[in-house]
């Protein structure tokens, strides 16, 4: 008969261990970036956002409005800083608006 250990993990710790063990953090970061973009930029900009992709440390955002793309290009660094602050870590170093 095997011995059981009385070690108890909280659900948060168990999930973190599972994510680390199975190397799922990059995929979770990609999903989280999409959610944070929509939350931070608001519904008006989210309406014109057609695609969001995080590749390494670059965030690619496809917009259906060229006017909006031009407006957002003036504040790229501020957008990057706000997204990283909300994410709680520096995931994005470059923003490309398409």
PDB file of N, CA and C in Angstrom:
ATOM      1  N   UNK A   1       0.838  -1.169   0.000  1.00  0.00           N
ATOM      2  CA  UNK A   1       0.000   0.000   0.000  1.00  0.00           C
ATOM      3  C   UNK A   1       0.893   1.246   0.000  1.00  0.00           C
ATOM      4  N   UNK A   2       0.558   2.217  -0.834  1.00  0.00           N
ATOM      5  CA  UNK A   2       1.371   3.420  -0.916  1.00  0.00           C
ATOM      6  C   UNK A   2       0.939   4.434   0.140  1.00  0.00           C
ATOM      7  N   UNK A   3       1.903   5.255   0.546  1.00  0.00           N
ATOM      8  CA  UNK A   3       1.611   6.284   1.534  1.00  0.00           C
ATOM      9  C   UNK A   3       1.085   7.526   0.836  1.00  0.00           C
ATOM     10  N   UNK A   4       0.148   8.160   1.448  1.00  0.00           N
ATOM     11  CA  UNK A   4      -0.379   9.411   0.932  1.00  0.00           C
ATOM     12  C   UNK A   4       0.275  10.549   1.696  1.00  0.00           C
ATOM     13  N   UNK A   5       0.553  11.608   0.984  1.00  0.00           N
ATOM     14  CA  UNK A   5       1.099  12.775   1.656  1.00  0.00           C
ATOM     15  C   UNK A   5      -0.050  13.719   1.966  1.00  0.00           C
ATOM     16  N   UNK A   6       0.109  14.475   3.004  1.00  0.00           N
ATOM     17  CA  UNK A   6      -0.928  15.410   3.404  1.00  0.00           C
ATOM     18  C   UNK A   6      -0.699  16.789   2.804  1.00  0.00           C
ATOM     19  N   UNK A   7      -0.063  16.819   1.662  1.00  0.00           N
ATOM     20  CA  UNK A   7       0.202  18.083   1.010  1.00  0.00           C
ATOM     21  C   UNK A   7      -1.039  18.510   0.218  1.00  0.00           C
ATOM     22  N   UNK A   8      -1.535  19.692   0.546  1.00  0.00           N
ATOM     23  CA  UNK A   8      -2.715  20.210  -0.139  1.00  0.00           C
ATOM     24  C   UNK A   8      -2.329  21.450  -0.923  1.00  0.00           C
ATOM     25  N   UNK A   9      -2.755  21.495  -2.152  1.00  0.00           N
ATOM     26  CA  UNK A   9      -2.517  22.657  -2.998  1.00  0.00           C
ATOM     27  C   UNK A   9      -3.825  23.407  -3.197  1.00  0.00           C
ATOM     28  N   UNK A  10      -3.731  24.718  -3.244  1.00  0.00           N
ATOM     29  CA  UNK A  10      -4.921  25.473  -3.598  1.00  0.00           C
ATOM     30  C   UNK A  10      -5.164  25.272  -5.093  1.00  0.00           C
ATOM     31  N   UNK A  11      -6.356  25.570  -5.534  1.00  0.00           N
ATOM     32  CA  UNK A  11      -6.672  25.398  -6.952  1.00  0.00           C
ATOM     33  C   UNK A  11      -5.780  26.307  -7.797  1.00  0.00           C
ATOM     34  N   UNK A  12      -5.538  27.520  -7.327  1.00  0.00           N
ATOM     35  CA  UNK A  12      -4.679  28.452  -8.065  1.00  0.00           C
ATOM     36  C   UNK A  12      -3.269  27.891  -8.226  1.00  0.00           C
ATOM     37  N   UNK A  13      -2.726  27.312  -7.154  1.00  0.00           N
ATOM     38  CA  UNK A  13      -1.383  26.730  -7.227  1.00  0.00           C
ATOM     39  C   UNK A  13      -1.356  25.512  -8.150  1.00  0.00           C
ATOM     40  N   UNK A  14      -2.400  24.709  -8.086  1.00  0.00           N
ATOM     41  CA  UNK A  14      -2.476  23.513  -8.934  1.00  0.00           C
ATOM     42  C   UNK A  14      -2.553  23.912 -10.411  1.00  0.00           C
ATOM     43  N   UNK A  15      -3.353  24.933 -10.726  1.00  0.00           N
ATOM     44  CA  UNK A  15      -3.456  25.393 -12.112  1.00  0.00           C
ATOM     45  C   UNK A  15      -2.144  25.992 -12.596  1.00  0.00           C
ATOM     46  N   UNK A  16      -1.486  26.777 -11.733  1.00  0.00           N
ATOM     47  CA  UNK A  16      -0.198  27.360 -12.112  1.00  0.00           C
ATOM     48  C   UNK A  16       0.828  26.266 -12.392  1.00  0.00           C
ATOM     49  N   UNK A  17       0.848  25.249 -11.544  1.00  0.00           N
ATOM     50  CA  UNK A  17       1.764  24.131 -11.741  1.00  0.00           C
ATOM     51  C   UNK A  17       1.461  23.404 -13.052  1.00  0.00           C
ATOM     52  N   UNK A  18       0.162  23.219 -13.347  1.00  0.00           N
ATOM     53  CA  UNK A  18      -0.250  22.552 -14.578  1.00  0.00           C
ATOM     54  C   UNK A  18       0.188  23.361 -15.803  1.00  0.00           C
ATOM     55  N   UNK A  19      -0.026  24.680 -15.764  1.00  0.00           N
ATOM     56  CA  UNK A  19       0.348  25.548 -16.878  1.00  0.00           C
ATOM     57  C   UNK A  19       1.864  25.515 -17.083  1.00  0.00           C
ATOM     58  N   UNK A  20       2.626  25.601 -16.000  1.00  0.00           N
ATOM     59  CA  UNK A  20       4.087  25.572 -16.101  1.00  0.00           C
ATOM     60  C   UNK A  20       4.586  24.228 -16.630  1.00  0.00           C
ATOM     61  N   UNK A  21       4.029  23.157 -16.122  1.00  0.00           N
ATOM     62  CA  UNK A  21       4.472  21.817 -16.504  1.00  0.00           C
ATOM     63  C   UNK A  21       4.199  21.534 -17.979  1.00  0.00           C
ATOM     64  N   UNK A  22       3.080  22.011 -18.473  1.00  0.00           N
ATOM     65  CA  UNK A  22       2.692  21.743 -19.859  1.00  0.00           C
ATOM     66  C   UNK A  22       3.024  22.879 -20.826  1.00  0.00           C
ATOM     67  N   UNK A  23       3.762  23.877 -20.354  1.00  0.00           N
ATOM     68  CA  UNK A  23       4.233  25.001 -21.176  1.00  0.00           C
ATOM     69  C   UNK A  23       3.089  25.672 -21.941  1.00  0.00           C
ATOM     70  N   UNK A  24       2.057  26.050 -21.203  1.00  0.00           N
ATOM     71  CA  UNK A  24       0.874  26.665 -21.800  1.00  0.00           C
ATOM     72  C   UNK A  24       0.836  28.177 -21.649  1.00  0.00           C
ATOM     73  N   UNK A  25       1.814  28.773 -20.997  1.00  0.00           N
ATOM     74  CA  UNK A  25       1.765  30.201 -20.690  1.00  0.00           C
ATOM     75  C   UNK A  25       1.727  31.075 -21.939  1.00  0.00           C
ATOM     76  N   UNK A  26       2.470  30.710 -22.985  1.00  0.00           N
ATOM     77  CA  UNK A  26       2.481  31.527 -24.209  1.00  0.00           C
ATOM     78  C   UNK A  26       1.088  31.592 -24.828  1.00  0.00           C
ATOM     79  N   UNK A  27       0.397  30.483 -24.872  1.00  0.00           N
ATOM     80  CA  UNK A  27      -0.959  30.460 -25.418  1.00  0.00           C
ATOM     81  C   UNK A  27      -1.928  31.260 -24.572  1.00  0.00           C
ATOM     82  N   UNK A  28      -1.788  31.168 -23.269  1.00  0.00           N
ATOM     83  CA  UNK A  28      -2.644  31.940 -22.375  1.00  0.00           C
ATOM     84  C   UNK A  28      -2.369  33.437 -22.518  1.00  0.00           C
ATOM     85  N   UNK A  29      -1.102  33.794 -22.715  1.00  0.00           N
ATOM     86  CA  UNK A  29      -0.753  35.202 -22.917  1.00  0.00           C
ATOM     87  C   UNK A  29      -1.407  35.753 -24.184  1.00  0.00           C
ATOM     88  N   UNK A  30      -1.440  34.955 -25.244  1.00  0.00           N
ATOM     89  CA  UNK A  30      -2.053  35.402 -26.497  1.00  0.00           C
ATOM     90  C   UNK A  30      -3.537  35.677 -26.323  1.00  0.00           C
ATOM     91  N   UNK A  31      -4.215  34.836 -25.587  1.00  0.00           N
ATOM     92  CA  UNK A  31      -5.642  35.031 -25.330  1.00  0.00           C
ATOM     93  C   UNK A  31      -5.847  36.242 -24.429  1.00  0.00           C
ATOM     94  N   UNK A  32      -5.011  36.371 -23.423  1.00  0.00           N
ATOM     95  CA  UNK A  32      -5.142  37.470 -22.472  1.00  0.00           C
ATOM     96  C   UNK A  32      -4.895  38.820 -23.156  1.00  0.00           C
ATOM     97  N   UNK A  33      -3.969  38.876 -24.100  1.00  0.00           N
ATOM     98  CA  UNK A  33      -3.686  40.127 -24.810  1.00  0.00           C
ATOM     99  C   UNK A  33      -4.921  40.580 -25.581  1.00  0.00           C
ATOM    100  N   UNK A  34      -5.619  39.652 -26.208  1.00  0.00           N
ATOM    101  CA  UNK A  34      -6.848  40.012 -26.938  1.00  0.00           C
ATOM    102  C   UNK A  34      -7.880  40.611 -25.996  1.00  0.00           C
ATOM    103  N   UNK A  35      -8.073  39.973 -24.861  1.00  0.00           N
ATOM    104  CA  UNK A  35      -9.051  40.468 -23.894  1.00  0.00           C
ATOM    105  C   UNK A  35      -8.669  41.844 -23.361  1.00  0.00           C
ATOM    106  N   UNK A  36      -7.385  42.025 -23.052  1.00  0.00           N
ATOM    107  CA  UNK A  36      -6.910  43.300 -22.514  1.00  0.00           C
ATOM    108  C   UNK A  36      -7.039  44.400 -23.568  1.00  0.00           C
ATOM    109  N   UNK A  37      -6.746  44.086 -24.829  1.00  0.00           N
ATOM    110  CA  UNK A  37      -6.888  45.087 -25.900  1.00  0.00           C
ATOM    111  C   UNK A  37      -8.337  45.593 -25.941  1.00  0.00           C
ATOM    112  N   UNK A  38      -9.288  44.668 -25.968  1.00  0.00           N
ATOM    113  CA  UNK A  38     -10.691  45.061 -26.052  1.00  0.00           C
ATOM    114  C   UNK A  38     -11.136  45.850 -24.819  1.00  0.00           C
ATOM    115  N   UNK A  39     -10.658  45.460 -23.644  1.00  0.00           N
ATOM    116  CA  UNK A  39     -11.029  46.166 -22.414  1.00  0.00           C
ATOM    117  C   UNK A  39     -10.408  47.565 -22.361  1.00  0.00           C
ATOM    118  N   UNK A  40      -9.126  47.668 -22.675  1.00  0.00           N
ATOM    119  CA  UNK A  40      -8.411  48.931 -22.559  1.00  0.00           C
ATOM    120  C   UNK A  40      -8.783  49.929 -23.653  1.00  0.00           C
ATOM    121  N   UNK A  41      -9.009  49.449 -24.855  1.00  0.00           N
ATOM    122  CA  UNK A  41      -9.262  50.351 -25.971  1.00  0.00           C
ATOM    123  C   UNK A  41     -10.738  50.748 -26.069  1.00  0.00           C
ATOM    124  N   UNK A  42     -11.607  49.980 -25.449  1.00  0.00           N
ATOM    125  CA  UNK A  42     -13.021  50.335 -25.430  1.00  0.00           C
ATOM    126  C   UNK A  42     -13.786  49.778 -26.625  1.00  0.00           C
ATOM    127  N   UNK A  43     -15.109  49.842 -26.543  1.00  0.00           N
ATOM    128  CA  UNK A  43     -15.944  49.241 -27.586  1.00  0.00           C
ATOM    129  C   UNK A  43     -15.848  49.947 -28.942  1.00  0.00           C
ATOM    130  N   UNK A  44     -15.586  51.250 -28.952  1.00  0.00           N
ATOM    131  CA  UNK A  44     -15.499  51.973 -30.227  1.00  0.00           C
ATOM    132  C   UNK A  44     -14.331  51.466 -31.071  1.00  0.00           C
ATOM    133  N   UNK A  45     -13.177  51.282 -30.445  1.00  0.00           N
ATOM    134  CA  UNK A  45     -12.003  50.793 -31.179  1.00  0.00           C
ATOM    135  C   UNK A  45     -12.106  49.291 -31.407  1.00  0.00           C
ATOM    136  N   UNK A  46     -12.649  48.559 -30.448  1.00  0.00           N
ATOM    137  CA  UNK A  46     -12.815  47.111 -30.598  1.00  0.00           C
ATOM    138  C   UNK A  46     -13.698  46.787 -31.799  1.00  0.00           C
ATOM    139  N   UNK A  47     -14.640  47.677 -32.096  1.00  0.00           N
ATOM    140  CA  UNK A  47     -15.546  47.471 -33.229  1.00  0.00           C
ATOM    141  C   UNK A  47     -14.782  47.477 -34.558  1.00  0.00           C
ATOM    142  N   UNK A  48     -13.718  48.260 -34.641  1.00  0.00           N
ATOM    143  CA  UNK A  48     -12.922  48.351 -35.869  1.00  0.00           C
ATOM    144  C   UNK A  48     -11.715  47.407 -35.880  1.00  0.00           C
ATOM    145  N   UNK A  49     -11.537  46.662 -34.797  1.00  0.00           N
ATOM    146  CA  UNK A  49     -10.427  45.717 -34.708  1.00  0.00           C
ATOM    147  C   UNK A  49     -10.869  44.390 -35.313  1.00  0.00           C
ATOM    148  N   UNK A  50     -10.173  43.951 -36.364  1.00  0.00           N
ATOM    149  CA  UNK A  50     -10.568  42.709 -37.027  1.00  0.00           C
ATOM    150  C   UNK A  50      -9.698  41.520 -36.632  1.00  0.00           C
ATOM    151  N   UNK A  51      -8.455  41.778 -36.223  1.00  0.00           N
ATOM    152  CA  UNK A  51      -7.572  40.673 -35.840  1.00  0.00           C
ATOM    153  C   UNK A  51      -6.490  41.183 -34.900  1.00  0.00           C
ATOM    154  N   UNK A  52      -6.165  40.347 -33.899  1.00  0.00           N
ATOM    155  CA  UNK A  52      -5.095  40.665 -32.954  1.00  0.00           C
ATOM    156  C   UNK A  52      -4.212  39.435 -32.844  1.00  0.00           C
ATOM    157  N   UNK A  53      -2.905  39.639 -32.989  1.00  0.00           N
ATOM    158  CA  UNK A  53      -1.977  38.506 -32.920  1.00  0.00           C
ATOM    159  C   UNK A  53      -0.727  38.927 -32.150  1.00  0.00           C
ATOM    160  N   UNK A  54      -0.363  38.124 -31.170  1.00  0.00           N
ATOM    161  CA  UNK A  54       0.878  38.335 -30.431  1.00  0.00           C
ATOM    162  C   UNK A  54       1.896  37.327 -30.928  1.00  0.00           C
ATOM    163  N   UNK A  55       2.990  37.826 -31.487  1.00  0.00           N
ATOM    164  CA  UNK A  55       4.062  36.957 -31.986  1.00  0.00           C
ATOM    165  C   UNK A  55       5.354  37.402 -31.323  1.00  0.00           C
ATOM    166  N   UNK A  56       5.866  36.568 -30.444  1.00  0.00           N
ATOM    167  CA  UNK A  56       7.016  36.884 -29.589  1.00  0.00           C
ATOM    168  C   UNK A  56       6.688  38.113 -28.754  1.00  0.00           C
ATOM    169  N   UNK A  57       7.347  39.237 -29.009  1.00  0.00           N
ATOM    170  CA  UNK A  57       7.077  40.441 -28.220  1.00  0.00           C
ATOM    171  C   UNK A  57       6.416  41.540 -29.060  1.00  0.00           C
ATOM    172  N   UNK A  58       5.896  41.171 -30.228  1.00  0.00           N
ATOM    173  CA  UNK A  58       5.261  42.127 -31.128  1.00  0.00           C
ATOM    174  C   UNK A  58       3.767  41.854 -31.201  1.00  0.00           C
ATOM    175  N   UNK A  59       2.978  42.906 -31.021  1.00  0.00           N
ATOM    176  CA  UNK A  59       1.528  42.799 -31.132  1.00  0.00           C
ATOM    177  C   UNK A  59       1.101  43.359 -32.481  1.00  0.00           C
ATOM    178  N   UNK A  60       0.460  42.504 -33.286  1.00  0.00           N
ATOM    179  CA  UNK A  60      -0.061  42.906 -34.585  1.00  0.00           C
ATOM    180  C   UNK A  60      -1.564  43.122 -34.435  1.00  0.00           C
ATOM    181  N   UNK A  61      -2.028  44.313 -34.792  1.00  0.00           N
ATOM    182  CA  UNK A  61      -3.443  44.642 -34.687  1.00  0.00           C
ATOM    183  C   UNK A  61      -3.929  45.071 -36.067  1.00  0.00           C
ATOM    184  N   UNK A  62      -4.921  44.367 -36.574  1.00  0.00           N
ATOM    185  CA  UNK A  62      -5.497  44.701 -37.867  1.00  0.00           C
ATOM    186  C   UNK A  62      -6.766  45.505 -37.638  1.00  0.00           C
ATOM    187  N   UNK A  63      -6.836  46.660 -38.264  1.00  0.00           N
ATOM    188  CA  UNK A  63      -7.970  47.568 -38.107  1.00  0.00           C
ATOM    189  C   UNK A  63      -8.663  47.765 -39.456  1.00  0.00           C
ATOM    190  N   UNK A  64      -9.976  47.918 -39.411  1.00  0.00           N
ATOM    191  CA  UNK A  64     -10.725  48.108 -40.648  1.00  0.00           C
ATOM    192  C   UNK A  64     -10.841  49.582 -41.033  1.00  0.00           C
ATOM    193  N   UNK A  65     -10.366  50.481 -40.205  1.00  0.00           N
ATOM    194  CA  UNK A  65     -10.439  51.915 -40.484  1.00  0.00           C
ATOM    195  C   UNK A  65      -9.032  52.498 -40.605  1.00  0.00           C
ATOM    196  N   UNK A  66      -8.720  53.046 -41.771  1.00  0.00           N
ATOM    197  CA  UNK A  66      -7.399  53.647 -41.971  1.00  0.00           C
ATOM    198  C   UNK A  66      -7.245  54.923 -41.150  1.00  0.00           C
ATOM    199  N   UNK A  67      -8.338  55.637 -40.941  1.00  0.00           N
ATOM    200  CA  UNK A  67      -8.293  56.859 -40.139  1.00  0.00           C
ATOM    201  C   UNK A  67      -7.952  56.523 -38.688  1.00  0.00           C
ATOM    202  N   UNK A  68      -8.594  55.500 -38.147  1.00  0.00           N
ATOM    203  CA  UNK A  68      -8.314  55.058 -36.782  1.00  0.00           C
ATOM    204  C   UNK A  68      -6.880  54.547 -36.660  1.00  0.00           C
ATOM    205  N   UNK A  69      -6.422  53.822 -37.662  1.00  0.00           N
ATOM    206  CA  UNK A  69      -5.045  53.308 -37.658  1.00  0.00           C
ATOM    207  C   UNK A  69      -4.053  54.468 -37.561  1.00  0.00           C
ATOM    208  N   UNK A  70      -4.300  55.513 -38.317  1.00  0.00           N
ATOM    209  CA  UNK A  70      -3.420  56.686 -38.296  1.00  0.00           C
ATOM    210  C   UNK A  70      -3.456  57.369 -36.932  1.00  0.00           C
ATOM    211  N   UNK A  71      -4.645  57.520 -36.362  1.00  0.00           N
ATOM    212  CA  UNK A  71      -4.786  58.138 -35.032  1.00  0.00           C
ATOM    213  C   UNK A  71      -4.049  57.336 -33.965  1.00  0.00           C
ATOM    214  N   UNK A  72      -4.219  56.033 -33.973  1.00  0.00           N
ATOM    215  CA  UNK A  72      -3.582  55.187 -32.962  1.00  0.00           C
ATOM    216  C   UNK A  72      -2.065  55.148 -33.127  1.00  0.00           C
ATOM    217  N   UNK A  73      -1.584  55.338 -34.349  1.00  0.00           N
ATOM    218  CA  UNK A  73      -0.137  55.267 -34.577  1.00  0.00           C
ATOM    219  C   UNK A  73       0.607  56.382 -33.836  1.00  0.00           C
ATOM    220  N   UNK A  74      -0.072  57.488 -33.536  1.00  0.00           N
ATOM    221  CA  UNK A  74       0.575  58.581 -32.813  1.00  0.00           C
ATOM    222  C   UNK A  74       0.826  58.240 -31.344  1.00  0.00           C
ATOM    223  N   UNK A  75       0.057  57.298 -30.787  1.00  0.00           N
ATOM    224  CA  UNK A  75       0.214  56.958 -29.380  1.00  0.00           C
ATOM    225  C   UNK A  75       0.625  55.524 -29.136  1.00  0.00           C
ATOM    226  N   UNK A  76       1.424  54.972 -30.030  1.00  0.00           N
ATOM    227  CA  UNK A  76       1.815  53.555 -29.923  1.00  0.00           C
ATOM    228  C   UNK A  76       2.473  53.225 -28.580  1.00  0.00           C
ATOM    229  N   UNK A  77       3.438  54.025 -28.164  1.00  0.00           N
ATOM    230  CA  UNK A  77       4.164  53.711 -26.923  1.00  0.00           C
ATOM    231  C   UNK A  77       3.251  53.769 -25.714  1.00  0.00           C
ATOM    232  N   UNK A  78       2.347  54.723 -25.695  1.00  0.00           N
ATOM    233  CA  UNK A  78       1.399  54.823 -24.581  1.00  0.00           C
ATOM    234  C   UNK A  78       0.471  53.606 -24.553  1.00  0.00           C
ATOM    235  N   UNK A  79       0.049  53.147 -25.731  1.00  0.00           N
ATOM    236  CA  UNK A  79      -0.795  51.947 -25.811  1.00  0.00           C
ATOM    237  C   UNK A  79      -0.029  50.737 -25.296  1.00  0.00           C
ATOM    238  N   UNK A  80       1.218  50.591 -25.708  1.00  0.00           N
ATOM    239  CA  UNK A  80       2.056  49.476 -25.256  1.00  0.00           C
ATOM    240  C   UNK A  80       2.204  49.504 -23.740  1.00  0.00           C
ATOM    241  N   UNK A  81       2.487  50.681 -23.196  1.00  0.00           N
ATOM    242  CA  UNK A  81       2.667  50.820 -21.747  1.00  0.00           C
ATOM    243  C   UNK A  81       1.384  50.460 -20.993  1.00  0.00           C
ATOM    244  N   UNK A  82       0.240  50.924 -21.484  1.00  0.00           N
ATOM    245  CA  UNK A  82      -1.037  50.624 -20.824  1.00  0.00           C
ATOM    246  C   UNK A  82      -1.358  49.135 -20.869  1.00  0.00           C
ATOM    247  N   UNK A  83      -1.124  48.501 -22.014  1.00  0.00           N
ATOM    248  CA  UNK A  83      -1.411  47.065 -22.132  1.00  0.00           C
ATOM    249  C   UNK A  83      -0.504  46.251 -21.214  1.00  0.00           C
ATOM    250  N   UNK A  84       0.790  46.573 -21.208  1.00  0.00           N
ATOM    251  CA  UNK A  84       1.727  45.846 -20.345  1.00  0.00           C
ATOM    252  C   UNK A  84       1.397  46.042 -18.871  1.00  0.00           C
ATOM    253  N   UNK A  85       0.994  47.251 -18.497  1.00  0.00           N
ATOM    254  CA  UNK A  85       0.638  47.519 -17.108  1.00  0.00           C
ATOM    255  C   UNK A  85      -0.583  46.687 -16.697  1.00  0.00           C
ATOM    256  N   UNK A  86      -1.562  46.617 -17.566  1.00  0.00           N
ATOM    257  CA  UNK A  86      -2.757  45.821 -17.274  1.00  0.00           C
ATOM    258  C   UNK A  86      -2.439  44.334 -17.223  1.00  0.00           C
ATOM    259  N   UNK A  87      -1.550  43.883 -18.102  1.00  0.00           N
ATOM    260  CA  UNK A  87      -1.153  42.473 -18.114  1.00  0.00           C
ATOM    261  C   UNK A  87      -0.309  42.115 -16.891  1.00  0.00           C
ATOM    262  N   UNK A  88       0.342  43.086 -16.305  1.00  0.00           N
ATOM    263  CA  UNK A  88       1.170  42.841 -15.139  1.00  0.00           C
ATOM    264  C   UNK A  88       2.565  42.365 -15.468  1.00  0.00           C
ATOM    265  N   UNK A  89       2.924  42.363 -16.729  1.00  0.00           N
ATOM    266  CA  UNK A  89       4.274  41.977 -17.150  1.00  0.00           C
ATOM    267  C   UNK A  89       4.537  42.562 -18.526  1.00  0.00           C
ATOM    268  N   UNK A  90       5.790  42.629 -18.897  1.00  0.00           N
ATOM    269  CA  UNK A  90       6.163  43.204 -20.187  1.00  0.00           C
ATOM    270  C   UNK A  90       6.136  42.115 -21.253  1.00  0.00           C
ATOM    271  N   UNK A  91       5.005  42.006 -21.929  1.00  0.00           N
ATOM    272  CA  UNK A  91       4.860  41.047 -23.024  1.00  0.00           C
ATOM    273  C   UNK A  91       5.059  41.718 -24.376  1.00  0.00           C
ATOM    274  N   UNK A  92       4.700  42.996 -24.461  1.00  0.00           N
ATOM    275  CA  UNK A  92       4.684  43.696 -25.739  1.00  0.00           C
ATOM    276  C   UNK A  92       5.766  44.775 -25.729  1.00  0.00           C
ATOM    277  N   UNK A  93       6.641  44.744 -26.735  1.00  0.00           N
ATOM    278  CA  UNK A  93       7.638  45.797 -26.883  1.00  0.00           C
ATOM    279  C   UNK A  93       7.436  46.576 -28.173  1.00  0.00           C
ATOM    280  N   UNK A  94       6.659  46.004 -29.102  1.00  0.00           N
ATOM    281  CA  UNK A  94       6.439  46.648 -30.387  1.00  0.00           C
ATOM    282  C   UNK A  94       4.985  46.453 -30.794  1.00  0.00           C
ATOM    283  N   UNK A  95       4.379  47.484 -31.367  1.00  0.00           N
ATOM    284  CA  UNK A  95       2.992  47.446 -31.822  1.00  0.00           C
ATOM    285  C   UNK A  95       2.964  47.779 -33.304  1.00  0.00           C
ATOM    286  N   UNK A  96       2.381  46.874 -34.092  1.00  0.00           N
ATOM    287  CA  UNK A  96       2.240  47.111 -35.521  1.00  0.00           C
ATOM    288  C   UNK A  96       0.762  47.160 -35.850  1.00  0.00           C
ATOM    289  N   UNK A  97       0.343  48.292 -36.392  1.00  0.00           N
ATOM    290  CA  UNK A  97      -1.054  48.494 -36.776  1.00  0.00           C
ATOM    291  C   UNK A  97      -1.154  48.269 -38.290  1.00  0.00           C
ATOM    292  N   UNK A  98      -2.081  47.406 -38.661  1.00  0.00           N
ATOM    293  CA  UNK A  98      -2.268  47.094 -40.087  1.00  0.00           C
ATOM    294  C   UNK A  98      -3.615  47.579 -40.540  1.00  0.00           C
TER     295      UNK A  98
END
